[in-house]
Amino acid sequence: MERTKRQKRNGAEVFRITGARMGLDEDVRGRQRRYVISMGIRTLSVIATVLLWNVQRPVAIVTLVAGALLPYVAVVIANAGRESTPSLPSHFLPAPVRPALDAGNLKKTSDQS
């Protein structure tokens, strides 16, 4: 059983104990958050490139490459799709198999001839 602790907007704790997927709104919000964070890091990387170009050129080149690659990575992460379907809880036990009656175990009644 998956137990995930989440915070509601009013600050109350909510525990997710079901195997159901998260809602579409929450999924889209999470993807948007990851994209904005990635693009914020890219912006800082480009600013660092400009500031370090004449001071530490090797570091500036690294930040330039990071700034060039981060948009691709951000889009791939944002478009990764919804979460995978959760598996069954680990303590799930299948129903027991009930053996069928053999023909020899049936008693003939007055209805059966």
Protein backbone atom coordinates (compact mmCIF):
# COMPACT_ATOMS: atom_id res chain seq x y z
CA MET A 1 0.00 0.00 0.00
CA GLU A 2 1.44 3.32 -1.03
CA ARG A 3 1.41 6.02 1.62
CA THR A 4 2.24 9.48 0.41
CA LYS A 5 2.11 12.52 2.69
CA ARG A 6 0.83 15.65 0.96
CA GLN A 7 -0.03 19.16 2.10
CA LYS A 8 -3.35 20.81 1.26
CA ARG A 9 -3.48 24.52 0.52
CA ASN A 10 -4.76 25.25 4.02
CA GLY A 11 -1.79 23.41 5.54
CA ALA A 12 -3.62 20.26 6.65
CA GLU A 13 -1.83 16.95 6.11
CA VAL A 14 -3.44 14.53 3.69
CA PHE A 15 -2.34 10.92 3.39
CA ARG A 16 -2.76 9.14 0.11
CA ILE A 17 -3.27 5.45 0.79
CA THR A 18 -4.94 4.38 -2.42
CA GLY A 19 -3.46 2.91 -5.56
CA ALA A 20 -5.26 5.48 -7.73
CA ARG A 21 -3.37 7.96 -9.86
CA MET A 22 -3.10 11.59 -8.80
CA GLY A 23 -5.58 13.98 -10.39
CA LEU A 24 -4.91 15.59 -13.76
CA ASP A 25 -4.80 19.10 -12.27
CA GLU A 26 -2.16 18.04 -9.74
CA ASP A 27 -0.15 16.28 -12.45
CA VAL A 28 -0.16 19.33 -14.75
CA ARG A 29 0.73 21.61 -11.83
CA GLY A 30 3.71 19.38 -10.98
CA ARG A 31 4.93 19.39 -14.58
CA GLN A 32 4.61 23.16 -14.81
CA ARG A 33 6.54 23.54 -11.56
CA ARG A 34 9.39 21.32 -12.82
CA TYR A 35 9.52 23.27 -16.11
CA VAL A 36 9.63 26.66 -14.37
CA ILE A 37 12.38 25.46 -12.02
CA SER A 38 14.43 24.16 -14.97
CA MET A 39 14.02 27.39 -16.90
CA GLY A 40 14.92 29.41 -13.80
CA ILE A 41 18.16 27.43 -13.54
CA ARG A 42 18.76 28.10 -17.23
CA THR A 43 18.27 31.82 -16.72
CA LEU A 44 20.76 31.82 -13.85
CA SER A 45 23.17 29.86 -16.03
CA VAL A 46 22.98 32.42 -18.86
CA ILE A 47 23.45 35.31 -16.40
CA ALA A 48 26.46 33.50 -14.90
CA THR A 49 27.88 33.08 -18.41
CA VAL A 50 27.67 36.83 -19.07
CA LEU A 51 29.17 37.72 -15.69
CA LEU A 52 32.01 35.17 -15.85
CA TRP A 53 32.99 35.48 -19.52
CA ASN A 54 35.98 37.78 -18.91
CA VAL A 55 36.77 36.48 -15.41
CA GLN A 56 36.66 32.67 -15.55
CA ARG A 57 36.23 31.65 -19.18
CA PRO A 58 36.23 27.83 -18.57
CA VAL A 59 33.46 28.18 -15.97
CA ALA A 60 31.59 30.53 -18.32
CA ILE A 61 31.77 27.94 -21.11
CA VAL A 62 30.36 25.28 -18.79
CA THR A 63 27.46 27.56 -17.81
CA LEU A 64 26.91 28.41 -21.48
CA VAL A 65 26.65 24.71 -22.40
CA ALA A 66 24.32 24.12 -19.44
CA GLY A 67 22.17 27.06 -20.54
CA ALA A 68 22.01 25.66 -24.07
CA LEU A 69 21.06 22.12 -22.98
CA LEU A 70 18.58 22.93 -20.21
CA PRO A 71 15.64 23.94 -22.48
CA TYR A 72 15.73 20.52 -24.12
CA VAL A 73 15.96 18.75 -20.77
CA ALA A 74 13.16 20.93 -19.33
CA VAL A 75 10.81 20.10 -22.20
CA VAL A 76 11.57 16.38 -22.01
CA ILE A 77 10.93 16.36 -18.26
CA ALA A 78 7.74 18.42 -18.58
CA ASN A 79 6.36 16.19 -21.35
CA ALA A 80 7.33 12.93 -19.65
CA GLY A 81 3.66 12.04 -19.25
CA ARG A 82 1.56 11.06 -16.33
CA GLU A 83 2.81 8.91 -13.52
CA SER A 84 2.82 5.19 -14.15
CA THR A 85 -0.14 3.15 -13.03
CA PRO A 86 0.54 2.08 -9.46
CA SER A 87 0.99 -1.59 -8.79
CA LEU A 88 -1.12 -3.57 -6.38
CA PRO A 89 -0.20 -3.35 -2.71
CA SER A 90 2.57 -5.71 -1.66
CA HIS A 91 0.33 -7.50 0.83
CA PHE A 92 -2.28 -8.44 -1.80
CA LEU A 93 -3.23 -12.11 -1.67
CA PRO A 94 -5.24 -13.75 -4.43
CA ALA A 95 -8.49 -15.48 -3.53
CA PRO A 96 -8.08 -19.15 -2.61
CA VAL A 97 -8.91 -21.67 -5.30
CA ARG A 98 -11.90 -23.80 -4.37
CA PRO A 99 -11.74 -27.34 -5.71
CA ALA A 100 -14.66 -28.52 -7.80
CA LEU A 101 -16.69 -31.53 -6.72
CA ASP A 102 -15.89 -34.79 -8.45
CA ALA A 103 -18.67 -36.71 -10.14
CA GLY A 104 -18.19 -39.52 -7.62
CA ASN A 105 -18.99 -37.21 -4.68
CA LEU A 106 -22.50 -36.40 -5.87
CA LYS A 107 -25.32 -38.31 -4.25
CA LYS A 108 -28.26 -39.22 -6.38
CA THR A 109 -31.49 -37.76 -5.15
CA SER A 110 -35.03 -38.59 -6.19
CA ASP A 111 -34.85 -35.74 -8.77
CA GLN A 112 -31.83 -37.30 -10.47
CA SER A 113 -32.19 -40.63 -12.25
